[in-house]
C-alpha cells in the first residue's frame, strides 16, 4: 500500500499549472519577518471554474537538519462561480494565491501543497537560507 507522500505530484511551476510558485527572499535574517506569496497559474494559467479549480494551498516549513516539518498556514479558496443559477454563473470567484509573513531562526525549506479538485495533490519547494 502506498503512503500519501507517494501520491503527491511535483513539477516546475513555470510549466505545470498545478504547482504553486513560492515567492520569497532566498536569504533572510534570523528572527526577522519576511513576506511569502504562494500562487498557482503564474507560469501556466489554471482554470478557476465550478468544475475545475484549486481548493486550497497549505504551506509548511522544514528546518534544515531537523526531524519535523511545521505547518505555517492553510488557505481555502471556496468561491468558484457556483450559484443557484448553475455552474459558472455566480457573482464571485476567489483567486488561488495567498500572501503572508513569517520568520525563521534557521535555514530550511518551504513546502507548498495544493489540491486541484480534479488532478489531486501537488507540491513545490523553495530553500531559504539564514544570514548570520
N, C-alpha and C. Protein backbone atom coordinates (compact mmCIF):
# COMPACT_ATOMS: atom_id res chain seq x y z
N UNK A 1 0.84 -1.18 0.00
CA UNK A 1 0.00 0.00 0.00
C UNK A 1 0.89 1.24 0.00
N UNK A 2 0.58 2.18 -0.86
CA UNK A 2 1.37 3.41 -0.97
C UNK A 2 1.01 4.39 0.15
N UNK A 3 2.01 5.14 0.60
CA UNK A 3 1.71 6.18 1.58
C UNK A 3 1.31 7.46 0.84
N UNK A 4 0.80 8.43 1.59
CA UNK A 4 0.31 9.66 0.97
C UNK A 4 1.40 10.39 0.19
N UNK A 5 2.63 10.40 0.73
CA UNK A 5 3.73 11.06 0.05
C UNK A 5 3.96 10.55 -1.37
N UNK A 6 3.66 9.29 -1.61
CA UNK A 6 3.82 8.71 -2.94
C UNK A 6 2.71 9.16 -3.90
N UNK A 7 1.67 9.77 -3.38
CA UNK A 7 0.54 10.23 -4.19
C UNK A 7 0.67 11.72 -4.57
N UNK A 8 1.64 12.41 -3.99
CA UNK A 8 1.81 13.84 -4.25
C UNK A 8 2.66 14.02 -5.50
N UNK A 9 2.14 14.81 -6.43
CA UNK A 9 2.83 15.06 -7.69
C UNK A 9 3.67 16.33 -7.58
N UNK A 10 4.71 16.41 -8.37
CA UNK A 10 5.58 17.58 -8.38
C UNK A 10 5.83 18.03 -9.81
N UNK A 11 6.41 19.19 -9.95
CA UNK A 11 6.74 19.71 -11.27
C UNK A 11 7.29 21.11 -11.12
N UNK A 12 7.55 21.74 -12.25
CA UNK A 12 8.06 23.10 -12.29
C UNK A 12 6.87 24.03 -12.52
N UNK A 13 6.67 25.01 -11.63
CA UNK A 13 5.51 25.90 -11.74
C UNK A 13 5.51 26.68 -13.06
N UNK A 14 6.66 26.81 -13.69
CA UNK A 14 6.73 27.54 -14.96
C UNK A 14 6.08 26.76 -16.10
N UNK A 15 5.98 25.43 -15.92
CA UNK A 15 5.44 24.58 -16.99
C UNK A 15 4.24 23.74 -16.56
N UNK A 16 3.97 23.67 -15.26
CA UNK A 16 2.87 22.83 -14.75
C UNK A 16 1.90 23.71 -13.96
N UNK A 17 0.66 23.80 -14.44
CA UNK A 17 -0.31 24.71 -13.85
C UNK A 17 -0.78 24.34 -12.46
N UNK A 18 -0.49 23.14 -11.99
CA UNK A 18 -0.94 22.71 -10.66
C UNK A 18 0.09 22.97 -9.56
N UNK A 19 1.27 23.41 -9.92
CA UNK A 19 2.36 23.59 -8.95
C UNK A 19 2.42 25.05 -8.51
N UNK A 20 2.44 25.25 -7.19
CA UNK A 20 2.47 26.62 -6.65
C UNK A 20 3.84 27.26 -6.85
N UNK A 21 3.83 28.52 -7.23
CA UNK A 21 5.06 29.32 -7.22
C UNK A 21 5.20 29.88 -5.81
N UNK A 22 6.38 29.71 -5.22
CA UNK A 22 6.67 30.25 -3.89
C UNK A 22 7.60 31.43 -4.10
N UNK A 23 7.12 32.63 -3.75
CA UNK A 23 7.92 33.84 -3.92
C UNK A 23 8.29 34.40 -2.56
N UNK A 24 9.59 34.43 -2.29
CA UNK A 24 10.13 34.99 -1.05
C UNK A 24 11.63 35.17 -1.24
N UNK A 25 12.28 35.90 -0.33
CA UNK A 25 13.73 36.04 -0.46
C UNK A 25 14.44 34.69 -0.35
N UNK A 26 15.55 34.56 -1.03
CA UNK A 26 16.36 33.34 -0.94
C UNK A 26 17.16 33.30 0.36
N UNK A 27 17.37 34.48 0.96
CA UNK A 27 18.09 34.57 2.23
C UNK A 27 17.41 35.63 3.09
N UNK A 28 17.24 35.31 4.38
CA UNK A 28 16.59 36.22 5.32
C UNK A 28 17.45 36.34 6.57
N UNK A 29 17.12 37.31 7.42
CA UNK A 29 17.80 37.46 8.70
C UNK A 29 17.06 36.65 9.76
N UNK A 30 17.80 35.98 10.60
CA UNK A 30 17.23 35.16 11.66
C UNK A 30 16.29 35.99 12.53
N UNK A 31 15.08 35.49 12.75
CA UNK A 31 14.13 36.13 13.63
C UNK A 31 13.43 37.35 13.08
N UNK A 32 13.67 37.72 11.82
CA UNK A 32 13.00 38.88 11.22
C UNK A 32 11.92 38.43 10.25
N UNK A 33 10.79 39.12 10.29
CA UNK A 33 9.68 38.80 9.39
C UNK A 33 10.07 39.01 7.93
N UNK A 34 9.60 38.12 7.08
CA UNK A 34 9.73 38.29 5.64
C UNK A 34 8.43 37.86 4.97
N UNK A 35 8.18 38.41 3.80
CA UNK A 35 6.94 38.14 3.08
C UNK A 35 7.08 36.91 2.19
N UNK A 36 5.99 36.15 2.12
CA UNK A 36 5.91 34.97 1.27
C UNK A 36 4.60 35.06 0.49
N UNK A 37 4.67 34.73 -0.80
CA UNK A 37 3.48 34.65 -1.63
C UNK A 37 3.47 33.29 -2.31
N UNK A 38 2.36 32.59 -2.22
CA UNK A 38 2.20 31.32 -2.92
C UNK A 38 1.02 31.48 -3.88
N UNK A 39 1.21 31.03 -5.12
CA UNK A 39 0.14 31.20 -6.11
C UNK A 39 0.24 30.12 -7.17
N UNK A 40 -0.89 29.82 -7.77
CA UNK A 40 -0.93 28.91 -8.90
C UNK A 40 -1.28 29.69 -10.14
N UNK A 41 -0.75 29.28 -11.26
CA UNK A 41 -1.06 29.92 -12.52
C UNK A 41 -0.10 31.03 -12.91
N UNK A 42 0.99 31.18 -12.19
CA UNK A 42 1.94 32.23 -12.54
C UNK A 42 2.64 31.94 -13.87
N UNK A 43 3.01 30.68 -14.10
CA UNK A 43 3.66 30.31 -15.35
C UNK A 43 2.68 29.83 -16.41
N UNK A 44 1.73 29.00 -15.99
CA UNK A 44 0.69 28.46 -16.88
C UNK A 44 -0.63 28.61 -16.12
N UNK A 45 -1.60 29.27 -16.72
CA UNK A 45 -2.86 29.55 -16.04
C UNK A 45 -3.60 28.27 -15.67
N UNK A 46 -4.16 28.25 -14.46
CA UNK A 46 -5.02 27.15 -14.02
C UNK A 46 -6.47 27.63 -14.06
N UNK A 47 -7.39 26.80 -14.55
CA UNK A 47 -8.79 27.22 -14.58
C UNK A 47 -9.31 27.53 -13.17
N UNK A 48 -10.29 28.37 -13.10
CA UNK A 48 -10.97 28.65 -11.85
C UNK A 48 -12.46 28.65 -12.16
N UNK A 49 -12.97 27.45 -12.39
CA UNK A 49 -14.37 27.27 -12.73
C UNK A 49 -15.03 26.37 -11.69
N UNK A 50 -16.32 26.32 -11.72
CA UNK A 50 -17.05 25.45 -10.80
C UNK A 50 -16.58 24.00 -10.97
N UNK A 51 -16.32 23.60 -12.20
CA UNK A 51 -15.95 22.21 -12.47
C UNK A 51 -14.47 21.89 -12.23
N UNK A 52 -13.59 22.89 -12.32
CA UNK A 52 -12.14 22.64 -12.25
C UNK A 52 -11.48 23.83 -11.55
N UNK A 53 -10.97 23.58 -10.33
CA UNK A 53 -10.41 24.68 -9.55
C UNK A 53 -9.43 24.17 -8.49
N UNK A 54 -8.72 25.10 -7.90
CA UNK A 54 -7.83 24.81 -6.77
C UNK A 54 -8.63 25.03 -5.50
N UNK A 55 -8.70 24.00 -4.66
CA UNK A 55 -9.48 24.10 -3.42
C UNK A 55 -8.71 24.77 -2.30
N UNK A 56 -7.41 24.44 -2.18
CA UNK A 56 -6.62 25.01 -1.09
C UNK A 56 -5.13 24.91 -1.36
N UNK A 57 -4.37 25.72 -0.60
CA UNK A 57 -2.91 25.64 -0.55
C UNK A 57 -2.52 25.60 0.93
N UNK A 58 -1.69 24.64 1.30
CA UNK A 58 -1.11 24.58 2.65
C UNK A 58 0.38 24.82 2.53
N UNK A 59 0.93 25.58 3.49
CA UNK A 59 2.35 25.90 3.47
C UNK A 59 3.00 25.34 4.73
N UNK A 60 4.16 24.73 4.55
CA UNK A 60 4.91 24.11 5.65
C UNK A 60 6.35 24.60 5.61
N UNK A 61 7.05 24.49 6.75
CA UNK A 61 8.47 24.81 6.81
C UNK A 61 9.19 23.66 7.49
N UNK A 62 10.26 23.19 6.84
CA UNK A 62 11.10 22.14 7.41
C UNK A 62 12.49 22.72 7.69
N UNK A 63 12.82 22.94 8.99
CA UNK A 63 14.15 23.46 9.33
C UNK A 63 15.24 22.45 8.97
N UNK A 64 16.32 22.97 8.41
CA UNK A 64 17.45 22.14 8.00
C UNK A 64 17.96 21.31 9.19
N UNK A 65 18.16 20.01 8.97
CA UNK A 65 18.72 19.13 9.98
C UNK A 65 17.75 18.66 11.05
N UNK A 66 16.49 19.05 10.98
CA UNK A 66 15.51 18.65 11.98
C UNK A 66 14.60 17.54 11.45
N UNK A 67 13.97 16.82 12.37
CA UNK A 67 13.11 15.70 12.01
C UNK A 67 11.73 16.16 11.54
N UNK A 68 11.18 17.18 12.20
CA UNK A 68 9.78 17.53 11.97
C UNK A 68 9.59 18.72 11.05
N UNK A 69 8.45 18.70 10.36
CA UNK A 69 8.01 19.78 9.49
C UNK A 69 6.88 20.51 10.21
N UNK A 70 6.83 21.84 10.06
CA UNK A 70 5.85 22.66 10.76
C UNK A 70 4.89 23.32 9.78
N UNK A 71 3.59 23.27 10.09
CA UNK A 71 2.62 23.95 9.24
C UNK A 71 2.69 25.45 9.51
N UNK A 72 2.76 26.24 8.43
CA UNK A 72 2.82 27.69 8.52
C UNK A 72 1.43 28.29 8.32
N UNK A 73 0.68 27.76 7.36
CA UNK A 73 -0.66 28.28 7.10
C UNK A 73 -1.42 27.42 6.13
N UNK A 74 -2.74 27.58 6.16
CA UNK A 74 -3.63 26.86 5.25
C UNK A 74 -4.62 27.88 4.68
N UNK A 75 -4.77 27.88 3.36
CA UNK A 75 -5.59 28.87 2.68
C UNK A 75 -6.62 28.18 1.80
N UNK A 76 -7.90 28.34 2.16
CA UNK A 76 -9.01 27.75 1.39
C UNK A 76 -9.51 28.73 0.35
N UNK A 77 -9.88 28.21 -0.80
CA UNK A 77 -10.47 29.01 -1.88
C UNK A 77 -11.84 28.39 -2.17
N UNK A 78 -12.90 29.08 -1.77
CA UNK A 78 -14.21 28.43 -1.74
C UNK A 78 -15.25 29.00 -2.69
N UNK A 79 -14.93 30.02 -3.45
CA UNK A 79 -15.90 30.57 -4.40
C UNK A 79 -15.39 30.37 -5.82
N UNK A 80 -16.11 29.54 -6.59
CA UNK A 80 -15.68 29.20 -7.95
C UNK A 80 -16.81 29.38 -8.96
N UNK A 81 -17.61 30.42 -8.75
CA UNK A 81 -18.67 30.72 -9.71
C UNK A 81 -19.94 29.91 -9.55
N UNK A 82 -20.07 29.17 -8.44
CA UNK A 82 -21.29 28.41 -8.23
C UNK A 82 -22.44 29.37 -7.89
N UNK A 83 -23.64 28.98 -8.26
CA UNK A 83 -24.82 29.74 -7.85
C UNK A 83 -26.07 28.90 -8.10
N UNK A 84 -27.19 29.39 -7.59
CA UNK A 84 -28.45 28.69 -7.83
C UNK A 84 -28.83 28.72 -9.31
N UNK A 85 -28.22 29.64 -10.06
CA UNK A 85 -28.48 29.71 -11.50
C UNK A 85 -27.68 28.68 -12.29
N UNK A 86 -26.72 28.01 -11.62
CA UNK A 86 -25.95 26.97 -12.28
C UNK A 86 -24.46 27.22 -12.19
N UNK A 87 -23.66 26.28 -12.71
CA UNK A 87 -22.20 26.39 -12.68
C UNK A 87 -21.72 27.63 -13.45
N UNK A 88 -20.71 28.29 -12.89
CA UNK A 88 -20.05 29.43 -13.53
C UNK A 88 -20.97 30.61 -13.81
N UNK A 89 -22.03 30.73 -13.03
CA UNK A 89 -22.96 31.86 -13.17
C UNK A 89 -23.01 32.69 -11.90
N UNK A 90 -22.18 32.31 -10.93
CA UNK A 90 -22.16 33.02 -9.65
C UNK A 90 -21.46 34.36 -9.72
N UNK A 91 -21.65 35.17 -8.69
CA UNK A 91 -21.11 36.53 -8.70
C UNK A 91 -19.68 36.65 -8.16
N UNK A 92 -19.07 35.55 -7.69
CA UNK A 92 -17.75 35.69 -7.06
C UNK A 92 -16.87 34.47 -7.34
N UNK A 93 -15.58 34.77 -7.55
CA UNK A 93 -14.55 33.76 -7.75
C UNK A 93 -13.35 34.15 -6.89
N UNK A 94 -12.83 33.22 -6.09
CA UNK A 94 -11.59 33.51 -5.37
C UNK A 94 -10.42 33.10 -6.25
N UNK A 95 -9.32 33.86 -6.17
CA UNK A 95 -8.11 33.54 -6.92
C UNK A 95 -7.19 32.71 -6.04
N UNK A 96 -6.53 31.72 -6.62
CA UNK A 96 -5.70 30.79 -5.86
C UNK A 96 -4.31 31.37 -5.61
N UNK A 97 -4.24 32.32 -4.68
CA UNK A 97 -2.97 32.86 -4.21
C UNK A 97 -3.15 33.40 -2.80
N UNK A 98 -2.06 33.37 -2.04
CA UNK A 98 -2.08 33.87 -0.66
C UNK A 98 -0.75 34.52 -0.35
N UNK A 99 -0.79 35.59 0.45
CA UNK A 99 0.42 36.27 0.91
C UNK A 99 0.38 36.33 2.43
N UNK A 100 1.54 36.16 3.04
CA UNK A 100 1.65 36.19 4.49
C UNK A 100 3.08 36.51 4.87
N UNK A 101 3.32 36.75 6.14
CA UNK A 101 4.67 36.97 6.66
C UNK A 101 5.02 35.87 7.63
N UNK A 102 6.31 35.56 7.71
CA UNK A 102 6.79 34.56 8.66
C UNK A 102 8.22 34.91 9.05
N UNK A 103 8.71 34.27 10.10
CA UNK A 103 10.12 34.42 10.48
C UNK A 103 10.65 33.06 10.86
N UNK A 104 11.95 32.87 10.62
CA UNK A 104 12.60 31.59 10.92
C UNK A 104 13.90 31.87 11.66
N UNK A 105 14.34 30.87 12.41
CA UNK A 105 15.58 31.01 13.18
C UNK A 105 16.74 30.29 12.52
N UNK A 106 16.43 29.38 11.62
CA UNK A 106 17.49 28.64 10.94
C UNK A 106 17.05 28.36 9.51
N UNK A 107 18.00 28.02 8.63
CA UNK A 107 17.63 27.76 7.24
C UNK A 107 16.74 26.53 7.12
N UNK A 108 16.08 26.43 5.97
CA UNK A 108 15.23 25.28 5.74
C UNK A 108 14.52 25.38 4.41
N UNK A 109 13.45 24.60 4.29
CA UNK A 109 12.71 24.50 3.05
C UNK A 109 11.24 24.82 3.28
N UNK A 110 10.71 25.70 2.44
CA UNK A 110 9.27 25.97 2.44
C UNK A 110 8.65 24.99 1.45
N UNK A 111 7.58 24.34 1.88
CA UNK A 111 6.82 23.42 1.03
C UNK A 111 5.42 23.99 0.84
N UNK A 112 4.93 24.04 -0.39
CA UNK A 112 3.56 24.45 -0.68
C UNK A 112 2.85 23.25 -1.29
N UNK A 113 1.78 22.84 -0.66
CA UNK A 113 0.98 21.70 -1.12
C UNK A 113 -0.37 22.25 -1.58
N UNK A 114 -0.77 21.94 -2.81
CA UNK A 114 -2.04 22.43 -3.33
C UNK A 114 -2.92 21.26 -3.76
N UNK A 115 -4.24 21.50 -3.72
CA UNK A 115 -5.20 20.47 -4.12
C UNK A 115 -6.08 20.98 -5.25
N UNK A 116 -5.99 20.31 -6.39
CA UNK A 116 -6.89 20.55 -7.52
C UNK A 116 -8.05 19.56 -7.36
N UNK A 117 -9.28 20.02 -7.52
CA UNK A 117 -10.43 19.14 -7.33
C UNK A 117 -10.47 17.99 -8.34
N UNK A 118 -9.77 18.10 -9.45
CA UNK A 118 -9.76 17.04 -10.46
C UNK A 118 -8.43 16.27 -10.48
N UNK A 119 -7.30 16.99 -10.37
CA UNK A 119 -5.99 16.38 -10.59
C UNK A 119 -5.18 16.10 -9.33
N UNK A 120 -5.78 16.26 -8.16
CA UNK A 120 -5.15 15.82 -6.92
C UNK A 120 -4.14 16.77 -6.31
N UNK A 121 -3.23 16.17 -5.52
CA UNK A 121 -2.25 16.91 -4.73
C UNK A 121 -0.97 17.19 -5.50
N UNK A 122 -0.45 18.43 -5.30
CA UNK A 122 0.78 18.87 -5.96
C UNK A 122 1.66 19.59 -4.95
N UNK A 123 2.97 19.42 -5.05
CA UNK A 123 3.90 20.06 -4.12
C UNK A 123 4.99 20.83 -4.85
N UNK A 124 5.37 21.94 -4.24
CA UNK A 124 6.56 22.68 -4.69
C UNK A 124 7.36 23.05 -3.47
N UNK A 125 8.65 23.35 -3.67
CA UNK A 125 9.53 23.67 -2.56
C UNK A 125 10.44 24.85 -2.90
N UNK A 126 10.91 25.52 -1.85
CA UNK A 126 11.91 26.58 -2.04
C UNK A 126 12.77 26.62 -0.79
N UNK A 127 14.09 26.58 -0.99
CA UNK A 127 15.03 26.67 0.13
C UNK A 127 15.21 28.12 0.52
N UNK A 128 15.33 28.35 1.84
CA UNK A 128 15.57 29.68 2.36
C UNK A 128 16.77 29.60 3.30
N UNK A 129 17.77 30.42 3.03
CA UNK A 129 18.97 30.50 3.86
C UNK A 129 18.78 31.57 4.93
N UNK A 130 19.57 31.48 5.99
CA UNK A 130 19.51 32.48 7.06
C UNK A 130 20.87 33.15 7.18
N UNK A 131 20.87 34.48 7.14
CA UNK A 131 22.10 35.26 7.29
C UNK A 131 22.46 35.32 8.77
N UNK A 132 23.73 35.28 9.04
CA UNK A 132 24.20 35.34 10.42
C UNK A 132 24.21 36.76 10.93
